[in-house]
Amino acid sequence: MNRKKELKQLYKEIKIEAGIYKITNNVNGKILIDSTRNLKTLNGKKHQLITGTCTNKELQEDWNKYGESSFTFEIVEILQEKKDGYFNIDTELEKLKEKWLNSVMHLNKRSYN
């Protein structure tokens, strides 16, 4: 198998994990809880902040004010797919996100959500 086909096959075999992540502003304690179908896209979220194209204006303003070193990115839960029965990834991610928002917001009222 040539190298290009081999790399394509390896890419197809990479497991894509959906889940919930948290971005924490370590200066003022504000957090963002969000979900994604692919946790590898966290690098893309960070890139948006670096380039000033994040759609969350408050988060972008604080990123610009405090700088990259003031923020922590963390995966808080990976979505476990059900083996049987109906499974809708978007619905399950929304439920998981709500669970995390409820559990975190009672501890920390400062949020970008």
N, C-alpha and C. Protein backbone atom coordinates (compact mmCIF):
# COMPACT_ATOMS: atom_id res chain seq x y z
N MET A 1 0.85 -1.18 0.00
CA MET A 1 0.00 0.00 0.00
C MET A 1 0.90 1.24 0.00
N ASN A 2 0.57 2.20 -0.86
CA ASN A 2 1.41 3.40 -0.86
C ASN A 2 1.12 4.27 0.36
N ARG A 3 2.00 5.17 0.64
CA ARG A 3 1.96 5.97 1.87
C ARG A 3 0.67 6.80 1.98
N LYS A 4 0.23 7.37 0.87
CA LYS A 4 -0.97 8.20 0.88
C LYS A 4 -2.20 7.37 1.27
N LYS A 5 -2.33 6.18 0.71
CA LYS A 5 -3.46 5.31 1.05
C LYS A 5 -3.37 4.86 2.51
N GLU A 6 -2.17 4.59 2.94
CA GLU A 6 -1.95 4.17 4.32
C GLU A 6 -2.38 5.27 5.30
N LEU A 7 -2.00 6.50 5.02
CA LEU A 7 -2.37 7.64 5.87
C LEU A 7 -3.88 7.86 5.87
N LYS A 8 -4.51 7.73 4.70
CA LYS A 8 -5.96 7.87 4.60
C LYS A 8 -6.65 6.83 5.46
N GLN A 9 -6.17 5.61 5.39
CA GLN A 9 -6.76 4.53 6.17
C GLN A 9 -6.59 4.78 7.67
N LEU A 10 -5.42 5.24 8.08
CA LEU A 10 -5.18 5.55 9.49
C LEU A 10 -6.12 6.65 9.96
N TYR A 11 -6.33 7.66 9.12
CA TYR A 11 -7.22 8.76 9.46
C TYR A 11 -8.65 8.25 9.67
N LYS A 12 -9.10 7.37 8.79
CA LYS A 12 -10.45 6.83 8.90
C LYS A 12 -10.64 6.00 10.17
N GLU A 13 -9.56 5.41 10.67
CA GLU A 13 -9.64 4.56 11.85
C GLU A 13 -9.56 5.32 13.17
N ILE A 14 -9.22 6.61 13.11
CA ILE A 14 -9.15 7.42 14.32
C ILE A 14 -10.54 7.56 14.92
N LYS A 15 -10.66 7.22 16.18
CA LYS A 15 -11.95 7.32 16.85
C LYS A 15 -12.24 8.79 17.16
N ILE A 16 -13.42 9.22 16.75
CA ILE A 16 -13.85 10.59 17.02
C ILE A 16 -14.70 10.54 18.28
N GLU A 17 -14.32 11.36 19.26
CA GLU A 17 -15.03 11.38 20.52
C GLU A 17 -15.77 12.71 20.69
N ALA A 18 -17.03 12.61 21.05
CA ALA A 18 -17.83 13.78 21.35
C ALA A 18 -17.81 13.99 22.86
N GLY A 19 -18.05 15.22 23.27
CA GLY A 19 -18.07 15.45 24.71
C GLY A 19 -18.24 16.90 25.10
N ILE A 20 -17.96 17.14 26.36
CA ILE A 20 -18.11 18.45 26.98
C ILE A 20 -16.73 18.98 27.36
N TYR A 21 -16.51 20.27 27.09
CA TYR A 21 -15.25 20.88 27.48
C TYR A 21 -15.51 22.17 28.25
N LYS A 22 -14.48 22.59 28.95
CA LYS A 22 -14.56 23.81 29.76
C LYS A 22 -13.36 24.69 29.45
N ILE A 23 -13.62 25.96 29.26
CA ILE A 23 -12.56 26.96 29.14
C ILE A 23 -12.65 27.82 30.38
N THR A 24 -11.54 27.93 31.11
CA THR A 24 -11.52 28.69 32.36
C THR A 24 -10.60 29.89 32.22
N ASN A 25 -11.12 31.04 32.61
CA ASN A 25 -10.31 32.25 32.70
C ASN A 25 -9.72 32.23 34.11
N ASN A 26 -8.42 32.02 34.21
CA ASN A 26 -7.76 31.87 35.50
C ASN A 26 -7.58 33.20 36.24
N VAL A 27 -7.87 34.31 35.57
CA VAL A 27 -7.74 35.63 36.21
C VAL A 27 -9.02 36.00 36.94
N ASN A 28 -10.16 35.90 36.24
CA ASN A 28 -11.42 36.33 36.87
C ASN A 28 -12.35 35.16 37.24
N GLY A 29 -11.95 33.93 36.94
CA GLY A 29 -12.72 32.76 37.33
C GLY A 29 -13.89 32.41 36.43
N LYS A 30 -14.12 33.19 35.38
CA LYS A 30 -15.23 32.89 34.48
C LYS A 30 -14.95 31.61 33.69
N ILE A 31 -16.05 30.90 33.38
CA ILE A 31 -15.89 29.66 32.63
C ILE A 31 -16.88 29.60 31.47
N LEU A 32 -16.53 28.80 30.49
CA LEU A 32 -17.42 28.46 29.38
C LEU A 32 -17.53 26.95 29.37
N ILE A 33 -18.75 26.46 29.40
CA ILE A 33 -19.03 25.04 29.25
C ILE A 33 -19.68 24.88 27.89
N ASP A 34 -19.15 23.99 27.07
CA ASP A 34 -19.74 23.78 25.75
C ASP A 34 -19.55 22.33 25.32
N SER A 35 -20.24 21.97 24.26
CA SER A 35 -20.16 20.61 23.74
C SER A 35 -19.63 20.63 22.32
N THR A 36 -19.12 19.49 21.90
CA THR A 36 -18.65 19.34 20.53
C THR A 36 -18.80 17.89 20.10
N ARG A 37 -19.07 17.69 18.82
CA ARG A 37 -19.17 16.33 18.27
C ARG A 37 -17.78 15.71 18.12
N ASN A 38 -16.74 16.56 18.15
CA ASN A 38 -15.38 16.08 17.98
C ASN A 38 -14.46 16.87 18.91
N LEU A 39 -14.01 16.24 19.97
CA LEU A 39 -13.18 16.94 20.95
C LEU A 39 -11.84 17.41 20.39
N LYS A 40 -11.44 16.87 19.26
CA LYS A 40 -10.21 17.33 18.63
C LYS A 40 -10.35 18.76 18.10
N THR A 41 -11.58 19.26 18.01
CA THR A 41 -11.81 20.62 17.53
C THR A 41 -11.48 21.68 18.57
N LEU A 42 -11.07 21.27 19.76
CA LEU A 42 -10.68 22.27 20.77
C LEU A 42 -9.53 23.13 20.27
N ASN A 43 -8.65 22.56 19.48
CA ASN A 43 -7.57 23.36 18.90
C ASN A 43 -8.14 24.43 17.99
N GLY A 44 -9.23 24.12 17.31
CA GLY A 44 -9.89 25.10 16.45
C GLY A 44 -10.50 26.23 17.26
N LYS A 45 -11.07 25.89 18.42
CA LYS A 45 -11.64 26.92 19.30
C LYS A 45 -10.55 27.86 19.79
N LYS A 46 -9.42 27.27 20.15
CA LYS A 46 -8.29 28.08 20.61
C LYS A 46 -7.78 28.97 19.47
N HIS A 47 -7.74 28.41 18.27
CA HIS A 47 -7.30 29.19 17.10
C HIS A 47 -8.24 30.37 16.84
N GLN A 48 -9.55 30.15 17.01
CA GLN A 48 -10.51 31.25 16.85
C GLN A 48 -10.20 32.38 17.82
N LEU A 49 -9.90 32.03 19.06
CA LEU A 49 -9.58 33.05 20.06
C LEU A 49 -8.28 33.77 19.70
N ILE A 50 -7.29 33.03 19.25
CA ILE A 50 -6.01 33.63 18.88
C ILE A 50 -6.17 34.61 17.72
N THR A 51 -7.01 34.24 16.75
CA THR A 51 -7.19 35.07 15.56
C THR A 51 -8.28 36.13 15.73
N GLY A 52 -8.96 36.12 16.89
CA GLY A 52 -9.98 37.13 17.16
C GLY A 52 -11.30 36.86 16.47
N THR A 53 -11.59 35.61 16.11
CA THR A 53 -12.82 35.30 15.39
C THR A 53 -13.81 34.48 16.21
N CYS A 54 -13.63 34.41 17.50
CA CYS A 54 -14.56 33.66 18.36
C CYS A 54 -15.91 34.38 18.38
N THR A 55 -16.99 33.63 18.27
CA THR A 55 -18.32 34.23 18.24
C THR A 55 -18.83 34.63 19.62
N ASN A 56 -18.19 34.13 20.68
CA ASN A 56 -18.55 34.54 22.03
C ASN A 56 -17.75 35.81 22.34
N LYS A 57 -18.41 36.95 22.17
CA LYS A 57 -17.73 38.25 22.25
C LYS A 57 -17.11 38.51 23.62
N GLU A 58 -17.81 38.12 24.68
CA GLU A 58 -17.29 38.36 26.03
C GLU A 58 -16.02 37.55 26.27
N LEU A 59 -16.04 36.29 25.85
CA LEU A 59 -14.85 35.44 25.97
C LEU A 59 -13.70 36.02 25.13
N GLN A 60 -14.01 36.46 23.92
CA GLN A 60 -12.99 37.02 23.04
C GLN A 60 -12.38 38.29 23.65
N GLU A 61 -13.21 39.13 24.24
CA GLU A 61 -12.71 40.36 24.87
C GLU A 61 -11.76 40.04 26.03
N ASP A 62 -12.13 39.07 26.85
CA ASP A 62 -11.26 38.70 27.97
C ASP A 62 -9.97 38.04 27.48
N TRP A 63 -10.07 37.25 26.42
CA TRP A 63 -8.87 36.63 25.82
C TRP A 63 -7.92 37.73 25.35
N ASN A 64 -8.47 38.74 24.68
CA ASN A 64 -7.65 39.85 24.19
C ASN A 64 -7.05 40.64 25.36
N LYS A 65 -7.81 40.79 26.42
CA LYS A 65 -7.37 41.57 27.58
C LYS A 65 -6.30 40.84 28.40
N TYR A 66 -6.54 39.55 28.71
CA TYR A 66 -5.67 38.81 29.62
C TYR A 66 -4.62 37.94 28.93
N GLY A 67 -4.86 37.55 27.69
CA GLY A 67 -3.89 36.75 26.95
C GLY A 67 -4.08 35.25 27.11
N GLU A 68 -3.49 34.53 26.19
CA GLU A 68 -3.63 33.08 26.11
C GLU A 68 -3.22 32.36 27.39
N SER A 69 -2.18 32.83 28.02
CA SER A 69 -1.65 32.14 29.21
C SER A 69 -2.62 32.20 30.40
N SER A 70 -3.65 33.02 30.32
CA SER A 70 -4.61 33.15 31.41
C SER A 70 -5.79 32.20 31.29
N PHE A 71 -5.78 31.33 30.27
CA PHE A 71 -6.90 30.44 30.03
C PHE A 71 -6.48 28.98 30.05
N THR A 72 -7.39 28.15 30.56
CA THR A 72 -7.17 26.71 30.60
C THR A 72 -8.29 26.02 29.82
N PHE A 73 -7.92 25.09 28.96
CA PHE A 73 -8.88 24.28 28.20
C PHE A 73 -8.88 22.88 28.81
N GLU A 74 -10.07 22.35 29.06
CA GLU A 74 -10.16 21.06 29.73
C GLU A 74 -11.35 20.26 29.20
N ILE A 75 -11.11 18.99 28.90
CA ILE A 75 -12.20 18.08 28.54
C ILE A 75 -12.76 17.58 29.87
N VAL A 76 -14.06 17.78 30.08
CA VAL A 76 -14.64 17.39 31.36
C VAL A 76 -15.41 16.07 31.29
N GLU A 77 -15.92 15.72 30.10
CA GLU A 77 -16.60 14.42 29.98
C GLU A 77 -16.70 14.02 28.51
N ILE A 78 -16.42 12.75 28.27
CA ILE A 78 -16.55 12.19 26.93
C ILE A 78 -17.90 11.48 26.86
N LEU A 79 -18.65 11.75 25.81
CA LEU A 79 -19.96 11.14 25.63
C LEU A 79 -19.80 9.65 25.34
N GLN A 80 -20.49 8.85 26.12
CA GLN A 80 -20.48 7.40 25.91
C GLN A 80 -21.69 7.03 25.06
N GLU A 81 -21.43 6.46 23.89
CA GLU A 81 -22.53 6.08 23.01
C GLU A 81 -23.23 4.84 23.55
N LYS A 82 -24.56 4.84 23.42
CA LYS A 82 -25.34 3.69 23.83
C LYS A 82 -25.18 2.59 22.78
N LYS A 83 -25.04 1.37 23.23
CA LYS A 83 -24.86 0.24 22.32
C LYS A 83 -26.17 -0.24 21.73
N ASP A 84 -27.27 -0.03 22.46
CA ASP A 84 -28.55 -0.48 21.95
C ASP A 84 -29.58 0.62 22.09
N GLY A 85 -30.63 0.53 21.31
CA GLY A 85 -31.68 1.53 21.35
C GLY A 85 -31.32 2.76 20.53
N TYR A 86 -32.20 3.72 20.56
CA TYR A 86 -32.04 4.95 19.79
C TYR A 86 -30.98 5.84 20.43
N PHE A 87 -30.11 6.38 19.60
CA PHE A 87 -29.06 7.27 20.10
C PHE A 87 -28.91 8.45 19.14
N ASN A 88 -29.21 9.64 19.62
CA ASN A 88 -29.02 10.86 18.83
C ASN A 88 -27.92 11.66 19.49
N ILE A 89 -26.79 11.77 18.81
CA ILE A 89 -25.61 12.41 19.42
C ILE A 89 -25.89 13.85 19.83
N ASP A 90 -26.63 14.60 19.02
CA ASP A 90 -26.90 16.01 19.35
C ASP A 90 -27.76 16.13 20.61
N THR A 91 -28.79 15.29 20.71
CA THR A 91 -29.66 15.30 21.89
C THR A 91 -28.88 14.91 23.14
N GLU A 92 -28.07 13.88 23.02
CA GLU A 92 -27.29 13.41 24.17
C GLU A 92 -26.25 14.43 24.60
N LEU A 93 -25.62 15.10 23.63
CA LEU A 93 -24.65 16.15 23.96
C LEU A 93 -25.34 17.31 24.68
N GLU A 94 -26.53 17.66 24.23
CA GLU A 94 -27.27 18.76 24.86
C GLU A 94 -27.62 18.41 26.31
N LYS A 95 -28.05 17.17 26.54
CA LYS A 95 -28.36 16.72 27.91
C LYS A 95 -27.10 16.77 28.79
N LEU A 96 -26.00 16.29 28.24
CA LEU A 96 -24.75 16.27 28.99
C LEU A 96 -24.29 17.69 29.31
N LYS A 97 -24.42 18.58 28.34
CA LYS A 97 -24.04 19.98 28.55
C LYS A 97 -24.90 20.61 29.65
N GLU A 98 -26.20 20.37 29.62
CA GLU A 98 -27.10 20.89 30.65
C GLU A 98 -26.72 20.38 32.03
N LYS A 99 -26.36 19.09 32.09
CA LYS A 99 -25.94 18.51 33.37
C LYS A 99 -24.73 19.26 33.92
N TRP A 100 -23.75 19.50 33.06
CA TRP A 100 -22.54 20.20 33.49
C TRP A 100 -22.82 21.66 33.83
N LEU A 101 -23.65 22.31 33.03
CA LEU A 101 -24.00 23.71 33.34
C LEU A 101 -24.67 23.80 34.71
N ASN A 102 -25.60 22.90 34.98
CA ASN A 102 -26.29 22.91 36.27
C ASN A 102 -25.34 22.62 37.42
N SER A 103 -24.43 21.67 37.24
CA SER A 103 -23.53 21.31 38.34
C SER A 103 -22.46 22.37 38.57
N VAL A 104 -22.00 23.02 37.52
CA VAL A 104 -20.93 24.00 37.66
C VAL A 104 -21.48 25.38 38.04
N MET A 105 -22.63 25.73 37.52
CA MET A 105 -23.15 27.07 37.75
C MET A 105 -23.56 27.30 39.20
N HIS A 106 -23.94 26.27 39.92
CA HIS A 106 -24.29 26.51 41.32
C HIS A 106 -23.03 26.74 42.15
N LEU A 107 -21.89 26.32 41.65
CA LEU A 107 -20.63 26.58 42.34
C LEU A 107 -19.98 27.89 41.89
N ASN A 108 -20.17 28.22 40.62
CA ASN A 108 -19.52 29.39 40.04
C ASN A 108 -20.52 30.14 39.17
N LYS A 109 -20.98 31.26 39.62
CA LYS A 109 -22.00 32.03 38.90
C LYS A 109 -21.40 32.83 37.73
N ARG A 110 -20.09 32.86 37.66
CA ARG A 110 -19.42 33.65 36.61
C ARG A 110 -19.24 32.78 35.37
N SER A 111 -19.94 33.15 34.31
CA SER A 111 -19.96 32.28 33.13
C SER A 111 -19.97 33.07 31.83
N TYR A 112 -19.41 32.46 30.80
CA TYR A 112 -19.50 33.00 29.44
C TYR A 112 -20.70 32.41 28.70
N ASN A 113 -21.42 31.49 29.32
CA ASN A 113 -22.56 30.84 28.66
C ASN A 113 -23.75 31.77 28.62
